[in-house]
Amino acid sequence: MYQDNIVLCGSSNYEQKYYLNPDFESLPEPIQRELQIMCVLYTEDIGGILTLEFDEVGTLQFVTRADEGDLLYDEIGSVLKIKQLREERKELLESLELYFKVFFLNEDEGAAGNLEDFL
């Protein structure tokens, strides 16, 4: 079992960069693009840094950070945007959690058949 959160991907408005953890390069290209679009649009709208991270039990967390003096970072908008993304991308996020649990945590291997529809 993992001790720390595992970063799936992230985007920084400060550096204008997107990052995908190389451990997840086996995800299908359309899913990788969707993650990139989702993260980059978030940081363009809200500012700061967004990372999608799996916790020790495989739950996907939206983690946001902003520089201390960043007056343009929209903290209230961040909460609302994450709520919107969780609702609009619910199926994708649940599938990513299942993928992580099966292939990284070696849990619920019987669910691997459900991943065929996803992948």
Protein backbone atom coordinates (compact mmCIF):
# COMPACT_ATOMS: atom_id res chain seq x y z
CA MET A 1 0.00 0.00 0.00
CA TYR A 2 1.19 3.51 -0.78
CA GLN A 3 2.15 5.82 2.08
CA ASP A 4 1.70 9.15 0.29
CA ASN A 5 -0.68 10.45 -2.32
CA ILE A 6 0.18 9.51 -5.90
CA VAL A 7 -0.13 12.37 -8.39
CA LEU A 8 -2.06 11.46 -11.52
CA CYS A 9 -1.67 14.81 -13.27
CA GLY A 10 -1.51 18.52 -12.63
CA SER A 11 -1.45 21.96 -14.13
CA SER A 12 0.18 25.20 -13.07
CA ASN A 13 -1.06 28.62 -14.08
CA TYR A 14 2.24 30.09 -12.88
CA GLU A 15 4.44 28.00 -15.16
CA GLN A 16 1.84 27.45 -17.89
CA LYS A 17 2.60 23.71 -17.78
CA TYR A 18 0.71 20.43 -17.58
CA TYR A 19 2.14 17.26 -16.04
CA LEU A 20 1.03 13.62 -16.43
CA ASN A 21 2.71 11.12 -14.13
CA PRO A 22 4.63 8.69 -16.40
CA ASP A 23 3.14 5.79 -14.40
CA PHE A 24 -0.19 6.62 -16.06
CA GLU A 25 0.98 6.84 -19.67
CA SER A 26 -0.81 3.54 -20.31
CA LEU A 27 -4.14 5.34 -20.04
CA PRO A 28 -5.81 5.70 -23.44
CA GLU A 29 -4.90 8.88 -25.32
CA PRO A 30 -8.47 10.31 -25.26
CA ILE A 31 -8.51 10.03 -21.46
CA GLN A 32 -5.10 11.64 -21.19
CA ARG A 33 -6.33 14.53 -23.36
CA GLU A 34 -9.50 14.89 -21.30
CA LEU A 35 -7.45 15.10 -18.10
CA GLN A 36 -5.17 17.69 -19.67
CA ILE A 37 -8.06 19.82 -20.87
CA MET A 38 -9.80 19.59 -17.50
CA CYS A 39 -6.69 20.61 -15.52
CA VAL A 40 -5.54 23.38 -17.85
CA LEU A 41 -9.01 24.94 -18.10
CA TYR A 42 -9.27 24.87 -14.32
CA THR A 43 -6.00 26.73 -13.83
CA GLU A 44 -6.85 29.19 -16.61
CA ASP A 45 -10.19 29.99 -14.97
CA ILE A 46 -9.19 29.87 -11.29
CA GLY A 47 -5.42 30.32 -11.22
CA GLY A 48 -2.91 28.60 -8.99
CA ILE A 49 -1.94 24.95 -9.25
CA LEU A 50 -4.24 21.95 -9.50
CA THR A 51 -3.16 18.34 -9.02
CA LEU A 52 -5.30 15.23 -9.18
CA GLU A 53 -3.96 12.79 -6.60
CA PHE A 54 -4.91 9.32 -5.44
CA ASP A 55 -4.89 8.89 -1.67
CA GLU A 56 -3.81 5.69 0.11
CA VAL A 57 -7.19 4.00 -0.47
CA GLY A 58 -7.49 5.04 -4.13
CA THR A 59 -9.83 8.01 -3.85
CA LEU A 60 -9.08 10.73 -6.39
CA GLN A 61 -8.52 14.08 -4.70
CA PHE A 62 -8.45 17.54 -6.26
CA VAL A 63 -5.58 19.38 -4.55
CA THR A 64 -5.19 23.11 -5.12
CA ARG A 65 -2.44 25.49 -4.17
CA ALA A 66 -1.77 29.16 -4.73
CA ASP A 67 1.18 31.41 -4.04
CA GLU A 68 0.68 33.42 -0.87
CA GLY A 69 0.62 36.76 -2.64
CA ASP A 70 -1.54 35.64 -5.58
CA LEU A 71 -4.43 38.09 -5.50
CA LEU A 72 -5.92 36.70 -8.72
CA TYR A 73 -6.47 33.18 -7.32
CA ASP A 74 -10.21 32.61 -6.90
CA GLU A 75 -10.62 30.51 -3.75
CA ILE A 76 -14.43 30.52 -3.81
CA GLY A 77 -14.44 29.83 -7.54
CA SER A 78 -12.09 26.92 -6.91
CA VAL A 79 -14.55 25.15 -4.62
CA LEU A 80 -17.39 25.72 -7.08
CA LYS A 81 -15.32 24.60 -10.09
CA ILE A 82 -14.21 21.39 -8.37
CA LYS A 83 -17.81 20.63 -7.45
CA GLN A 84 -18.82 21.21 -11.07
CA LEU A 85 -16.01 18.97 -12.38
CA ARG A 86 -16.92 16.20 -9.92
CA GLU A 87 -20.51 16.29 -11.18
CA GLU A 88 -19.78 16.63 -14.91
CA ARG A 89 -16.90 14.12 -14.97
CA LYS A 90 -18.28 11.70 -12.40
CA GLU A 91 -18.04 8.65 -14.66
CA LEU A 92 -14.46 9.45 -15.71
CA LEU A 93 -13.33 10.08 -12.13
CA GLU A 94 -14.95 6.88 -10.84
CA SER A 95 -13.34 4.90 -13.66
CA LEU A 96 -9.93 6.38 -12.86
CA GLU A 97 -10.36 5.38 -9.21
CA LEU A 98 -11.26 1.85 -10.25
CA TYR A 99 -8.26 1.75 -12.61
CA PHE A 100 -5.95 2.83 -9.78
CA LYS A 101 -7.39 0.33 -7.32
CA VAL A 102 -7.08 -2.57 -9.75
CA PHE A 103 -3.68 -1.83 -11.30
CA PHE A 104 -1.84 -0.01 -8.51
CA LEU A 105 -3.40 -1.28 -5.28
CA ASN A 106 -4.24 -4.75 -6.65
CA GLU A 107 -7.75 -4.56 -5.25
CA ASP A 108 -11.04 -5.79 -6.64
CA GLU A 109 -9.56 -7.68 -9.57
CA GLY A 110 -13.05 -8.90 -10.48
CA ALA A 111 -13.85 -5.34 -11.47
CA ALA A 112 -11.20 -5.40 -14.17
CA GLY A 113 -13.90 -6.48 -16.63
CA ASN A 114 -15.70 -3.18 -16.03
CA LEU A 115 -12.52 -1.37 -17.02
CA GLU A 116 -12.67 -2.86 -20.52
CA ASP A 117 -15.57 -0.55 -21.30
CA PHE A 118 -13.55 2.37 -19.96
CA LEU A 119 -10.25 1.56 -21.61
